[in-house]
Amino acid sequence: MLTRADQTVADGLDVLDDIASVGLTHIGFKDVGVTPAELDAIHRRIKAMGATSYMEVVSTTPEACLRSARVARELGVDRLLGGTQVDEVLAILAGSDVAYLPFPGRPFDHPTRLGGSAADVEADCARFAARGCAGVDLLAYRATEAAPLELVRAARAATPGVLLVAGGVGRAEQVRALADAGVDAFTVGTAAFDGSFAPHLGSLRSQLRAVLDACR
């Protein structure tokens, strides 16, 4: 993710130029931090690189979340992540090719944290699947009421589609634990930008290669 501290970095185009040699095939950004025009330029560059594009909604008001869903449709992102107004967002995306993965549980604040029990998450995931969502965007490592992997297992049990874990993934052992628990995808942003994913390495390109190595 082209994000740091839960917002899109201002120099996203430069970052994409810097990391092109890594060969990433999945790249995303948040709906906050830069203007819609800048998001459009970033998205165009991501698609020109041949990658699947993601936009995650972290706006904190219902109106802003729905505006972001409209932006996602206008941009033509491949996957829209986050938000909790599932029926309204699905209506906005109807007829488009944008796949929607909402937040299960009770997200709050910015940077976003996640309230709710494993039972809450499982019930939400089942409800989202019944409404035709492509999967869920689970803030497992931002949880305030349950253990991260407990939430992952609950989500996996009720999610036939993509189970993506976002936020707080910053170590190789977390990546391996998520894979063992059946997670399909995860996001890394701040941990790559601040160099904490692989502290012995210096460049962002090296950090991202370390993330890819952890996936193998």
N, C-alpha and C. Protein backbone atom coordinates (compact mmCIF):
# COMPACT_ATOMS: atom_id res chain seq x y z
N MET A 1 0.84 -1.19 0.00
CA MET A 1 0.00 0.00 0.00
C MET A 1 0.87 1.25 0.00
N LEU A 2 0.49 2.22 -0.83
CA LEU A 2 1.21 3.49 -0.88
C LEU A 2 0.73 4.39 0.26
N THR A 3 0.82 3.86 1.48
CA THR A 3 0.24 4.55 2.62
C THR A 3 1.17 4.53 3.81
N ARG A 4 1.05 5.59 4.60
CA ARG A 4 1.79 5.70 5.84
C ARG A 4 0.89 6.40 6.84
N ALA A 5 0.79 5.85 8.06
CA ALA A 5 -0.09 6.41 9.09
C ALA A 5 -1.52 6.55 8.57
N ASP A 6 -1.97 5.54 7.85
CA ASP A 6 -3.36 5.44 7.38
C ASP A 6 -3.76 6.52 6.39
N GLN A 7 -2.83 7.03 5.61
CA GLN A 7 -3.20 7.90 4.51
C GLN A 7 -2.22 7.73 3.35
N THR A 8 -2.68 8.04 2.16
CA THR A 8 -1.84 7.90 0.98
C THR A 8 -0.68 8.89 1.03
N VAL A 9 0.50 8.41 0.70
CA VAL A 9 1.67 9.29 0.74
C VAL A 9 1.59 10.32 -0.38
N ALA A 10 2.09 11.53 -0.11
CA ALA A 10 1.96 12.63 -1.06
C ALA A 10 2.79 12.42 -2.32
N ASP A 11 3.85 11.63 -2.22
CA ASP A 11 4.74 11.40 -3.38
C ASP A 11 4.53 10.02 -3.98
N GLY A 12 3.29 9.60 -4.06
CA GLY A 12 2.99 8.25 -4.53
C GLY A 12 3.52 7.94 -5.91
N LEU A 13 3.48 8.89 -6.83
CA LEU A 13 3.99 8.64 -8.19
C LEU A 13 5.49 8.40 -8.16
N ASP A 14 6.20 9.18 -7.36
CA ASP A 14 7.65 8.97 -7.24
C ASP A 14 7.95 7.61 -6.64
N VAL A 15 7.16 7.23 -5.65
CA VAL A 15 7.36 5.92 -5.02
C VAL A 15 7.16 4.81 -6.06
N LEU A 16 6.12 4.93 -6.87
CA LEU A 16 5.88 3.91 -7.89
C LEU A 16 7.04 3.81 -8.87
N ASP A 17 7.62 4.95 -9.21
CA ASP A 17 8.81 4.91 -10.08
C ASP A 17 9.96 4.18 -9.39
N ASP A 18 10.13 4.45 -8.09
CA ASP A 18 11.25 3.86 -7.35
C ASP A 18 11.12 2.35 -7.21
N ILE A 19 9.89 1.85 -7.08
CA ILE A 19 9.71 0.43 -6.78
C ILE A 19 9.35 -0.40 -8.01
N ALA A 20 9.35 0.20 -9.18
CA ALA A 20 8.92 -0.51 -10.39
C ALA A 20 9.69 -1.81 -10.60
N SER A 21 10.97 -1.80 -10.25
CA SER A 21 11.80 -2.98 -10.51
C SER A 21 11.47 -4.16 -9.60
N VAL A 22 10.71 -3.92 -8.53
CA VAL A 22 10.37 -5.01 -7.60
C VAL A 22 9.39 -5.98 -8.25
N GLY A 23 8.54 -5.49 -9.15
CA GLY A 23 7.60 -6.36 -9.83
C GLY A 23 6.35 -6.67 -9.05
N LEU A 24 5.90 -5.74 -8.22
CA LEU A 24 4.67 -5.95 -7.47
C LEU A 24 3.47 -6.07 -8.41
N THR A 25 2.57 -6.98 -8.08
CA THR A 25 1.38 -7.17 -8.91
C THR A 25 0.10 -6.78 -8.19
N HIS A 26 0.20 -6.30 -6.96
CA HIS A 26 -0.95 -5.82 -6.20
C HIS A 26 -0.52 -4.56 -5.46
N ILE A 27 -1.13 -3.41 -5.79
CA ILE A 27 -0.73 -2.13 -5.21
C ILE A 27 -1.99 -1.33 -4.88
N GLY A 28 -2.00 -0.70 -3.70
CA GLY A 28 -3.18 0.06 -3.31
C GLY A 28 -2.86 1.37 -2.64
N PHE A 29 -3.92 2.07 -2.26
CA PHE A 29 -3.82 3.37 -1.61
C PHE A 29 -5.08 3.61 -0.80
N LYS A 30 -5.06 4.61 0.06
CA LYS A 30 -6.23 5.00 0.86
C LYS A 30 -7.02 6.08 0.13
N ASP A 31 -8.20 6.35 0.65
CA ASP A 31 -9.03 7.41 0.06
C ASP A 31 -8.73 8.78 0.66
N VAL A 32 -7.75 8.87 1.55
CA VAL A 32 -7.39 10.15 2.17
C VAL A 32 -5.90 10.40 2.01
N GLY A 33 -5.51 11.69 2.11
CA GLY A 33 -4.10 12.05 2.04
C GLY A 33 -3.72 12.85 0.82
N VAL A 34 -4.40 12.60 -0.31
CA VAL A 34 -4.16 13.35 -1.54
C VAL A 34 -5.51 13.63 -2.20
N THR A 35 -5.51 14.46 -3.22
CA THR A 35 -6.75 14.84 -3.90
C THR A 35 -7.25 13.72 -4.82
N PRO A 36 -8.54 13.75 -5.20
CA PRO A 36 -9.03 12.77 -6.17
C PRO A 36 -8.24 12.77 -7.47
N ALA A 37 -7.80 13.95 -7.92
CA ALA A 37 -7.01 14.00 -9.15
C ALA A 37 -5.68 13.27 -8.98
N GLU A 38 -5.07 13.42 -7.80
CA GLU A 38 -3.82 12.71 -7.53
C GLU A 38 -4.05 11.21 -7.42
N LEU A 39 -5.18 10.82 -6.83
CA LEU A 39 -5.52 9.40 -6.77
C LEU A 39 -5.68 8.84 -8.18
N ASP A 40 -6.29 9.62 -9.06
CA ASP A 40 -6.47 9.17 -10.44
C ASP A 40 -5.12 8.94 -11.11
N ALA A 41 -4.18 9.87 -10.91
CA ALA A 41 -2.86 9.71 -11.51
C ALA A 41 -2.13 8.50 -10.96
N ILE A 42 -2.24 8.29 -9.64
CA ILE A 42 -1.62 7.12 -9.01
C ILE A 42 -2.24 5.84 -9.57
N HIS A 43 -3.58 5.84 -9.67
CA HIS A 43 -4.25 4.64 -10.15
C HIS A 43 -3.85 4.33 -11.60
N ARG A 44 -3.78 5.34 -12.43
CA ARG A 44 -3.37 5.11 -13.81
C ARG A 44 -1.96 4.52 -13.88
N ARG A 45 -1.09 5.00 -13.03
CA ARG A 45 0.28 4.48 -13.03
C ARG A 45 0.29 3.01 -12.56
N ILE A 46 -0.50 2.70 -11.54
CA ILE A 46 -0.57 1.31 -11.05
C ILE A 46 -1.02 0.38 -12.18
N LYS A 47 -2.06 0.78 -12.90
CA LYS A 47 -2.55 -0.07 -13.98
C LYS A 47 -1.55 -0.17 -15.12
N ALA A 48 -0.82 0.93 -15.38
CA ALA A 48 0.20 0.89 -16.42
C ALA A 48 1.32 -0.07 -16.06
N MET A 49 1.53 -0.30 -14.75
CA MET A 49 2.53 -1.25 -14.28
C MET A 49 2.03 -2.70 -14.37
N GLY A 50 0.76 -2.88 -14.73
CA GLY A 50 0.20 -4.21 -14.85
C GLY A 50 -0.27 -4.82 -13.54
N ALA A 51 -0.48 -3.99 -12.52
CA ALA A 51 -0.85 -4.48 -11.20
C ALA A 51 -2.36 -4.38 -10.95
N THR A 52 -2.86 -5.23 -10.07
CA THR A 52 -4.22 -5.11 -9.56
C THR A 52 -4.25 -3.93 -8.59
N SER A 53 -5.28 -3.09 -8.72
CA SER A 53 -5.36 -1.87 -7.91
C SER A 53 -6.38 -2.00 -6.78
N TYR A 54 -6.05 -1.35 -5.65
CA TYR A 54 -6.89 -1.37 -4.47
C TYR A 54 -7.04 0.05 -3.93
N MET A 55 -8.25 0.39 -3.48
CA MET A 55 -8.44 1.61 -2.71
C MET A 55 -9.16 1.24 -1.42
N GLU A 56 -8.60 1.67 -0.29
CA GLU A 56 -9.23 1.38 1.00
C GLU A 56 -9.88 2.64 1.56
N VAL A 57 -11.13 2.50 1.97
CA VAL A 57 -11.89 3.61 2.55
C VAL A 57 -11.59 3.69 4.04
N VAL A 58 -11.03 4.83 4.47
CA VAL A 58 -10.81 5.05 5.90
C VAL A 58 -11.43 6.37 6.36
N SER A 59 -12.22 7.00 5.50
CA SER A 59 -12.95 8.21 5.89
C SER A 59 -13.86 7.88 7.07
N THR A 60 -14.11 8.87 7.92
CA THR A 60 -14.76 8.59 9.19
C THR A 60 -16.24 8.96 9.25
N THR A 61 -16.80 9.56 8.20
CA THR A 61 -18.23 9.87 8.22
C THR A 61 -18.93 9.07 7.13
N PRO A 62 -20.21 8.76 7.32
CA PRO A 62 -20.93 8.00 6.28
C PRO A 62 -20.92 8.71 4.93
N GLU A 63 -21.09 10.01 4.94
CA GLU A 63 -21.13 10.76 3.67
C GLU A 63 -19.79 10.66 2.94
N ALA A 64 -18.69 10.81 3.69
CA ALA A 64 -17.37 10.73 3.07
C ALA A 64 -17.09 9.34 2.54
N CYS A 65 -17.54 8.32 3.24
CA CYS A 65 -17.34 6.95 2.77
C CYS A 65 -18.05 6.70 1.44
N LEU A 66 -19.27 7.22 1.32
CA LEU A 66 -20.01 7.03 0.08
C LEU A 66 -19.40 7.85 -1.05
N ARG A 67 -18.88 9.03 -0.73
CA ARG A 67 -18.16 9.80 -1.75
C ARG A 67 -16.95 9.02 -2.25
N SER A 68 -16.26 8.38 -1.32
CA SER A 68 -15.08 7.60 -1.70
C SER A 68 -15.46 6.41 -2.58
N ALA A 69 -16.61 5.81 -2.30
CA ALA A 69 -17.06 4.70 -3.15
C ALA A 69 -17.33 5.20 -4.57
N ARG A 70 -17.87 6.41 -4.68
CA ARG A 70 -18.11 6.97 -6.02
C ARG A 70 -16.79 7.25 -6.72
N VAL A 71 -15.80 7.74 -5.96
CA VAL A 71 -14.47 7.96 -6.54
C VAL A 71 -13.88 6.65 -7.03
N ALA A 72 -14.02 5.59 -6.23
CA ALA A 72 -13.49 4.29 -6.62
C ALA A 72 -14.11 3.81 -7.92
N ARG A 73 -15.41 4.03 -8.07
CA ARG A 73 -16.06 3.62 -9.32
C ARG A 73 -15.55 4.46 -10.48
N GLU A 74 -15.41 5.77 -10.27
CA GLU A 74 -14.92 6.65 -11.33
C GLU A 74 -13.50 6.28 -11.75
N LEU A 75 -12.67 5.96 -10.76
CA LEU A 75 -11.29 5.56 -11.06
C LEU A 75 -11.24 4.22 -11.78
N GLY A 76 -12.18 3.34 -11.42
CA GLY A 76 -12.15 1.99 -11.97
C GLY A 76 -11.19 1.08 -11.27
N VAL A 77 -11.02 1.26 -9.94
CA VAL A 77 -10.12 0.38 -9.20
C VAL A 77 -10.62 -1.06 -9.29
N ASP A 78 -9.72 -1.99 -9.13
CA ASP A 78 -10.12 -3.40 -9.19
C ASP A 78 -10.84 -3.84 -7.92
N ARG A 79 -10.34 -3.36 -6.76
CA ARG A 79 -10.94 -3.76 -5.50
C ARG A 79 -11.08 -2.56 -4.57
N LEU A 80 -12.28 -2.37 -4.05
CA LEU A 80 -12.55 -1.34 -3.05
C LEU A 80 -12.62 -2.01 -1.69
N LEU A 81 -11.81 -1.53 -0.75
CA LEU A 81 -11.72 -2.11 0.58
C LEU A 81 -12.31 -1.16 1.61
N GLY A 82 -12.92 -1.75 2.66
CA GLY A 82 -13.32 -0.95 3.81
C GLY A 82 -14.73 -0.40 3.72
N GLY A 83 -15.07 0.40 4.75
CA GLY A 83 -16.42 0.92 4.86
C GLY A 83 -17.35 -0.12 5.45
N THR A 84 -18.47 0.35 5.95
CA THR A 84 -19.45 -0.55 6.57
C THR A 84 -20.86 -0.37 5.99
N GLN A 85 -21.05 0.60 5.12
CA GLN A 85 -22.37 0.83 4.53
C GLN A 85 -22.53 -0.04 3.28
N VAL A 86 -22.67 -1.31 3.53
CA VAL A 86 -22.54 -2.30 2.46
C VAL A 86 -23.59 -2.13 1.38
N ASP A 87 -24.84 -2.03 1.75
CA ASP A 87 -25.89 -1.94 0.73
C ASP A 87 -25.73 -0.69 -0.12
N GLU A 88 -25.41 0.44 0.52
CA GLU A 88 -25.26 1.69 -0.21
C GLU A 88 -24.07 1.63 -1.17
N VAL A 89 -22.95 1.06 -0.69
CA VAL A 89 -21.76 0.97 -1.55
C VAL A 89 -22.00 0.01 -2.71
N LEU A 90 -22.64 -1.12 -2.44
CA LEU A 90 -22.93 -2.06 -3.53
C LEU A 90 -23.82 -1.41 -4.58
N ALA A 91 -24.75 -0.57 -4.14
CA ALA A 91 -25.62 0.13 -5.09
C ALA A 91 -24.80 1.09 -5.95
N ILE A 92 -23.84 1.79 -5.34
CA ILE A 92 -22.97 2.71 -6.09
C ILE A 92 -22.14 1.95 -7.11
N LEU A 93 -21.67 0.76 -6.73
CA LEU A 93 -20.77 -0.02 -7.60
C LEU A 93 -21.50 -0.89 -8.60
N ALA A 94 -22.82 -0.98 -8.48
CA ALA A 94 -23.59 -1.87 -9.36
C ALA A 94 -23.33 -1.57 -10.83
N GLY A 95 -23.08 -2.62 -11.60
CA GLY A 95 -22.82 -2.46 -13.02
C GLY A 95 -21.37 -2.18 -13.37
N SER A 96 -20.53 -2.01 -12.35
CA SER A 96 -19.10 -1.77 -12.58
C SER A 96 -18.34 -3.08 -12.37
N ASP A 97 -17.03 -3.04 -12.62
CA ASP A 97 -16.18 -4.20 -12.39
C ASP A 97 -15.44 -4.13 -11.05
N VAL A 98 -15.82 -3.18 -10.20
CA VAL A 98 -15.15 -3.00 -8.91
C VAL A 98 -15.64 -4.05 -7.92
N ALA A 99 -14.73 -4.85 -7.39
CA ALA A 99 -15.07 -5.84 -6.36
C ALA A 99 -15.02 -5.15 -5.00
N TYR A 100 -15.98 -5.48 -4.13
CA TYR A 100 -16.08 -4.79 -2.84
C TYR A 100 -15.81 -5.73 -1.68
N LEU A 101 -14.89 -5.30 -0.78
CA LEU A 101 -14.54 -6.03 0.43
C LEU A 101 -14.70 -5.09 1.63
N PRO A 102 -15.85 -5.12 2.30
CA PRO A 102 -16.09 -4.20 3.42
C PRO A 102 -15.42 -4.65 4.71
N PHE A 103 -15.45 -3.74 5.71
CA PHE A 103 -14.93 -4.04 7.04
C PHE A 103 -15.96 -4.84 7.84
N PRO A 104 -15.63 -6.03 8.33
CA PRO A 104 -16.47 -6.65 9.36
C PRO A 104 -16.08 -6.10 10.73
N GLY A 105 -16.96 -6.25 11.71
CA GLY A 105 -16.68 -5.71 13.04
C GLY A 105 -17.08 -4.25 13.12
N ARG A 106 -16.48 -3.53 14.07
CA ARG A 106 -16.87 -2.16 14.35
C ARG A 106 -15.67 -1.23 14.24
N PRO A 107 -15.31 -0.80 13.05
CA PRO A 107 -14.16 0.10 12.90
C PRO A 107 -14.47 1.48 13.46
N PHE A 108 -13.44 2.12 14.04
CA PHE A 108 -13.64 3.46 14.59
C PHE A 108 -12.30 4.19 14.63
N ASP A 109 -12.37 5.50 14.71
CA ASP A 109 -11.21 6.39 14.81
C ASP A 109 -10.38 6.40 13.52
N HIS A 110 -9.37 7.24 13.53
CA HIS A 110 -8.38 7.32 12.45
C HIS A 110 -7.04 7.70 13.07
N PRO A 111 -5.99 6.88 12.96
CA PRO A 111 -5.94 5.58 12.29
C PRO A 111 -6.99 4.61 12.86
N THR A 112 -7.51 3.80 11.97
CA THR A 112 -8.66 2.96 12.29
C THR A 112 -8.30 1.84 13.25
N ARG A 113 -9.17 1.65 14.25
CA ARG A 113 -9.11 0.49 15.13
C ARG A 113 -10.39 -0.32 14.96
N LEU A 114 -10.39 -1.54 15.50
CA LEU A 114 -11.52 -2.44 15.25
C LEU A 114 -12.11 -2.95 16.56
N GLY A 115 -13.35 -2.61 16.80
CA GLY A 115 -14.10 -3.19 17.90
C GLY A 115 -14.92 -4.37 17.42
N GLY A 116 -15.44 -5.13 18.36
CA GLY A 116 -16.27 -6.26 18.02
C GLY A 116 -15.62 -7.59 18.36
N SER A 117 -16.44 -8.58 18.67
CA SER A 117 -15.97 -9.91 19.04
C SER A 117 -15.81 -10.78 17.80
N ALA A 118 -15.26 -11.97 18.00
CA ALA A 118 -15.14 -12.92 16.90
C ALA A 118 -16.52 -13.29 16.36
N ALA A 119 -17.50 -13.42 17.26
CA ALA A 119 -18.86 -13.73 16.82
C ALA A 119 -19.44 -12.60 15.97
N ASP A 120 -19.15 -11.35 16.35
CA ASP A 120 -19.61 -10.20 15.55
C ASP A 120 -19.00 -10.26 14.15
N VAL A 121 -17.70 -10.52 14.09
CA VAL A 121 -17.01 -10.58 12.80
C VAL A 121 -17.56 -11.70 11.94
N GLU A 122 -17.76 -12.87 12.52
CA GLU A 122 -18.28 -14.00 11.75
C GLU A 122 -19.67 -13.69 11.20
N ALA A 123 -20.52 -13.08 12.03
CA ALA A 123 -21.88 -12.74 11.58
C ALA A 123 -21.84 -11.71 10.45
N ASP A 124 -20.96 -10.72 10.58
CA ASP A 124 -20.84 -9.72 9.52
C ASP A 124 -20.36 -10.35 8.22
N CYS A 125 -19.37 -11.22 8.31
CA CYS A 125 -18.83 -11.85 7.11
C CYS A 125 -19.89 -12.68 6.40
N ALA A 126 -20.69 -13.40 7.16
CA ALA A 126 -21.77 -14.19 6.56
C ALA A 126 -22.79 -13.28 5.88
N ARG A 127 -23.09 -12.16 6.52
CA ARG A 127 -24.05 -11.20 5.96
C ARG A 127 -23.51 -10.57 4.68
N PHE A 128 -22.23 -10.22 4.68
CA PHE A 128 -21.63 -9.62 3.49
C PHE A 128 -21.62 -10.61 2.33
N ALA A 129 -21.30 -11.87 2.62
CA ALA A 129 -21.29 -12.88 1.57
C ALA A 129 -22.68 -13.05 0.96
N ALA A 130 -23.70 -13.03 1.81
CA ALA A 130 -25.07 -13.18 1.33
C ALA A 130 -25.49 -12.02 0.44
N ARG A 131 -24.89 -10.86 0.65
CA ARG A 131 -25.22 -9.69 -0.16
C ARG A 131 -24.40 -9.62 -1.45
N GLY A 132 -23.47 -10.55 -1.62
CA GLY A 132 -22.72 -10.61 -2.86
C GLY A 132 -21.38 -9.91 -2.84
N CYS A 133 -20.85 -9.60 -1.64
CA CYS A 133 -19.53 -8.98 -1.57
C CYS A 133 -18.46 -9.98 -2.01
N ALA A 134 -17.36 -9.45 -2.54
CA ALA A 134 -16.28 -10.31 -3.05
C ALA A 134 -15.42 -10.88 -1.94
N GLY A 135 -15.58 -10.37 -0.71
CA GLY A 135 -14.79 -10.81 0.43
C GLY A 135 -14.88 -9.78 1.52
N VAL A 136 -13.88 -9.77 2.42
CA VAL A 136 -13.87 -8.81 3.52
C VAL A 136 -12.47 -8.26 3.73
N ASP A 137 -12.43 -7.08 4.35
CA ASP A 137 -11.18 -6.39 4.70
C ASP A 137 -11.12 -6.34 6.22
N LEU A 138 -10.39 -7.26 6.81
CA LEU A 138 -10.39 -7.45 8.26
C LEU A 138 -9.21 -6.74 8.92
N LEU A 139 -9.50 -5.86 9.86
CA LEU A 139 -8.47 -5.11 10.59
C LEU A 139 -8.02 -5.91 11.81
N ALA A 140 -7.55 -7.11 11.58
CA ALA A 140 -7.29 -8.05 12.67
C ALA A 140 -6.30 -7.51 13.69
N TYR A 141 -5.21 -6.92 13.21
CA TYR A 141 -4.16 -6.45 14.13
C TYR A 141 -4.44 -5.04 14.67
N ARG A 142 -5.63 -4.53 14.39
CA ARG A 142 -6.09 -3.28 15.00
C ARG A 142 -7.19 -3.56 16.02
N ALA A 143 -7.42 -4.83 16.35
CA ALA A 143 -8.54 -5.22 17.21
C ALA A 143 -8.36 -4.73 18.63
N THR A 144 -9.46 -4.35 19.25
CA THR A 144 -9.46 -3.88 20.64
C THR A 144 -10.17 -4.84 21.59
N GLU A 145 -10.89 -5.84 21.06
CA GLU A 145 -11.70 -6.70 21.92
C GLU A 145 -11.42 -8.19 21.73
N ALA A 146 -10.59 -8.55 20.79
CA ALA A 146 -10.33 -9.97 20.52
C ALA A 146 -8.93 -10.14 19.98
N ALA A 147 -8.43 -11.37 20.07
CA ALA A 147 -7.10 -11.67 19.54
C ALA A 147 -7.14 -11.68 18.02
N PRO A 148 -6.11 -11.16 17.37
CA PRO A 148 -6.12 -11.07 15.90
C PRO A 148 -6.43 -12.39 15.20
N LEU A 149 -5.75 -13.45 15.55
CA LEU A 149 -5.98 -14.71 14.84
C LEU A 149 -7.33 -15.33 15.16
N GLU A 150 -7.88 -15.00 16.32
CA GLU A 150 -9.25 -15.43 16.63
C GLU A 150 -10.22 -14.79 15.65
N LEU A 151 -10.02 -13.52 15.36
CA LEU A 151 -10.87 -12.84 14.38
C LEU A 151 -10.66 -13.40 12.98
N VAL A 152 -9.42 -13.71 12.65
CA VAL A 152 -9.12 -14.28 11.34
C VAL A 152 -9.85 -15.60 11.16
N ARG A 153 -9.78 -16.47 12.14
CA ARG A 153 -10.45 -17.77 12.03
C ARG A 153 -11.95 -17.61 11.91
N ALA A 154 -12.52 -16.66 12.65
CA ALA A 154 -13.96 -16.42 12.56
C ALA A 154 -14.34 -15.91 11.18
N ALA A 155 -13.54 -14.99 10.65
CA ALA A 155 -13.82 -14.45 9.33
C ALA A 155 -13.68 -15.52 8.26
N ARG A 156 -12.65 -16.37 8.37
CA ARG A 156 -12.43 -17.42 7.38
C ARG A 156 -13.60 -18.39 7.35
N ALA A 157 -14.17 -18.68 8.51
CA ALA A 157 -15.27 -19.63 8.58
C ALA A 157 -16.51 -19.15 7.83
N ALA A 158 -16.65 -17.83 7.69
CA ALA A 158 -17.87 -17.29 7.09
C ALA A 158 -17.63 -16.55 5.79
N THR A 159 -16.40 -16.60 5.27
CA THR A 159 -16.06 -15.85 4.06
C THR A 159 -15.67 -16.80 2.93
N PRO A 160 -16.57 -17.02 1.97
CA PRO A 160 -16.21 -17.86 0.83
C PRO A 160 -15.31 -17.15 -0.17
N GLY A 161 -15.30 -15.82 -0.11
CA GLY A 161 -14.49 -15.03 -1.04
C GLY A 161 -13.13 -14.69 -0.46
N VAL A 162 -12.61 -13.53 -0.83
CA VAL A 162 -11.27 -13.11 -0.44
C VAL A 162 -11.25 -12.63 1.01
N LEU A 163 -10.37 -13.20 1.81
CA LEU A 163 -10.14 -12.72 3.18
C LEU A 163 -8.83 -11.95 3.17
N LEU A 164 -8.94 -10.64 3.29
CA LEU A 164 -7.78 -9.76 3.29
C LEU A 164 -7.62 -9.16 4.68
N VAL A 165 -6.42 -9.17 5.20
CA VAL A 165 -6.13 -8.56 6.51
C VAL A 165 -5.33 -7.28 6.28
N ALA A 166 -5.83 -6.19 6.83
CA ALA A 166 -5.21 -4.88 6.64
C ALA A 166 -4.85 -4.26 7.98
N GLY A 167 -3.77 -3.49 7.98
CA GLY A 167 -3.41 -2.72 9.18
C GLY A 167 -2.61 -3.52 10.18
N GLY A 168 -1.46 -2.99 10.54
CA GLY A 168 -0.69 -3.58 11.62
C GLY A 168 0.14 -4.80 11.25
N VAL A 169 0.18 -5.17 9.97
CA VAL A 169 1.04 -6.29 9.56
C VAL A 169 2.43 -5.72 9.30
N GLY A 170 3.39 -6.14 10.11
CA GLY A 170 4.71 -5.55 10.00
C GLY A 170 5.86 -6.48 10.26
N ARG A 171 5.59 -7.80 10.34
CA ARG A 171 6.66 -8.76 10.61
C ARG A 171 6.42 -10.03 9.80
N ALA A 172 7.51 -10.69 9.44
CA ALA A 172 7.41 -11.91 8.63
C ALA A 172 6.63 -12.99 9.36
N GLU A 173 6.79 -13.08 10.68
CA GLU A 173 6.07 -14.12 11.42
C GLU A 173 4.56 -13.90 11.38
N GLN A 174 4.13 -12.63 11.30
CA GLN A 174 2.70 -12.37 11.14
C GLN A 174 2.22 -12.87 9.79
N VAL A 175 2.99 -12.63 8.75
CA VAL A 175 2.62 -13.09 7.41
C VAL A 175 2.46 -14.60 7.40
N ARG A 176 3.38 -15.31 8.02
CA ARG A 176 3.28 -16.76 8.05
C ARG A 176 2.08 -17.23 8.87
N ALA A 177 1.80 -16.56 9.97
CA ALA A 177 0.64 -16.93 10.79
C ALA A 177 -0.66 -16.70 10.04
N LEU A 178 -0.72 -15.62 9.31
CA LEU A 178 -1.92 -15.33 8.52
C LEU A 178 -2.12 -16.38 7.43
N ALA A 179 -1.04 -16.76 6.77
CA ALA A 179 -1.14 -17.78 5.73
C ALA A 179 -1.63 -19.10 6.32
N ASP A 180 -1.10 -19.46 7.48
CA ASP A 180 -1.51 -20.71 8.13
C ASP A 180 -2.98 -20.68 8.53
N ALA A 181 -3.51 -19.48 8.79
CA ALA A 181 -4.91 -19.34 9.21
C ALA A 181 -5.86 -19.20 8.03
N GLY A 182 -5.33 -19.26 6.82
CA GLY A 182 -6.18 -19.25 5.65
C GLY A 182 -6.43 -17.89 5.03
N VAL A 183 -5.64 -16.89 5.38
CA VAL A 183 -5.80 -15.56 4.80
C VAL A 183 -5.31 -15.56 3.35
N ASP A 184 -6.05 -14.89 2.48
CA ASP A 184 -5.70 -14.84 1.07
C ASP A 184 -4.75 -13.69 0.73
N ALA A 185 -4.86 -12.58 1.48
CA ALA A 185 -4.08 -11.40 1.15
C ALA A 185 -3.94 -10.53 2.40
N PHE A 186 -2.93 -9.64 2.38
CA PHE A 186 -2.74 -8.71 3.48
C PHE A 186 -2.13 -7.44 2.91
N THR A 187 -2.18 -6.37 3.69
CA THR A 187 -1.57 -5.12 3.25
C THR A 187 -0.39 -4.76 4.15
N VAL A 188 0.60 -4.13 3.54
CA VAL A 188 1.74 -3.56 4.27
C VAL A 188 1.97 -2.16 3.73
N GLY A 189 2.04 -1.19 4.60
CA GLY A 189 2.32 0.18 4.19
C GLY A 189 3.40 0.78 5.06
N THR A 190 3.00 1.22 6.26
CA THR A 190 3.93 1.91 7.15
C THR A 190 5.17 1.09 7.46
N ALA A 191 5.01 -0.21 7.68
CA ALA A 191 6.16 -1.04 8.05
C ALA A 191 7.21 -1.09 6.96
N ALA A 192 6.78 -0.95 5.71
CA ALA A 192 7.75 -0.90 4.61
C ALA A 192 8.39 0.47 4.52
N PHE A 193 7.57 1.51 4.65
CA PHE A 193 8.10 2.87 4.51
C PHE A 193 9.06 3.24 5.64
N ASP A 194 8.77 2.77 6.87
CA ASP A 194 9.66 3.14 7.98
C ASP A 194 10.81 2.15 8.18
N GLY A 195 10.84 1.10 7.36
CA GLY A 195 11.95 0.15 7.41
C GLY A 195 11.88 -0.87 8.51
N SER A 196 10.73 -0.99 9.17
CA SER A 196 10.65 -1.89 10.32
C SER A 196 10.31 -3.33 9.94
N PHE A 197 9.83 -3.56 8.71
CA PHE A 197 9.53 -4.95 8.33
C PHE A 197 10.81 -5.77 8.31
N ALA A 198 11.86 -5.21 7.72
CA ALA A 198 13.18 -5.86 7.70
C ALA A 198 14.20 -4.82 8.15
N PRO A 199 14.39 -4.66 9.47
CA PRO A 199 15.21 -3.57 10.00
C PRO A 199 16.66 -3.57 9.52
N HIS A 200 17.16 -4.71 9.06
CA HIS A 200 18.54 -4.79 8.61
C HIS A 200 18.73 -4.32 7.18
N LEU A 201 17.62 -3.95 6.50
CA LEU A 201 17.69 -3.50 5.12
C LEU A 201 17.39 -2.01 5.04
N GLY A 202 17.95 -1.34 4.00
CA GLY A 202 17.88 0.11 3.97
C GLY A 202 16.86 0.72 3.05
N SER A 203 16.63 0.16 1.87
CA SER A 203 15.77 0.82 0.89
C SER A 203 14.35 0.29 0.92
N LEU A 204 13.42 1.09 0.39
CA LEU A 204 12.03 0.64 0.28
C LEU A 204 11.94 -0.58 -0.62
N ARG A 205 12.71 -0.59 -1.70
CA ARG A 205 12.70 -1.76 -2.58
C ARG A 205 13.09 -3.02 -1.83
N SER A 206 14.10 -2.92 -0.98
CA SER A 206 14.54 -4.08 -0.20
C SER A 206 13.47 -4.51 0.80
N GLN A 207 12.78 -3.54 1.41
CA GLN A 207 11.70 -3.87 2.32
C GLN A 207 10.61 -4.65 1.60
N LEU A 208 10.24 -4.19 0.42
CA LEU A 208 9.18 -4.87 -0.33
C LEU A 208 9.61 -6.26 -0.78
N ARG A 209 10.86 -6.40 -1.15
CA ARG A 209 11.34 -7.76 -1.50
C ARG A 209 11.30 -8.67 -0.30
N ALA A 210 11.57 -8.13 0.89
CA ALA A 210 11.49 -8.93 2.12
C ALA A 210 10.05 -9.36 2.39
N VAL A 211 9.10 -8.47 2.10
CA VAL A 211 7.69 -8.83 2.25
C VAL A 211 7.34 -9.97 1.29
N LEU A 212 7.77 -9.85 0.06
CA LEU A 212 7.50 -10.92 -0.93
C LEU A 212 8.15 -12.23 -0.51
N ASP A 213 9.35 -12.15 0.03
CA ASP A 213 10.03 -13.37 0.49
C ASP A 213 9.23 -14.03 1.61
N ALA A 214 8.63 -13.23 2.47
CA ALA A 214 7.85 -13.78 3.58
C ALA A 214 6.59 -14.49 3.09
N CYS A 215 6.16 -14.14 1.89
CA CYS A 215 4.96 -14.77 1.33
C CYS A 215 5.24 -16.13 0.70
N ARG A 216 6.51 -16.43 0.48
CA ARG A 216 6.84 -17.66 -0.26
C ARG A 216 6.91 -18.86 0.68
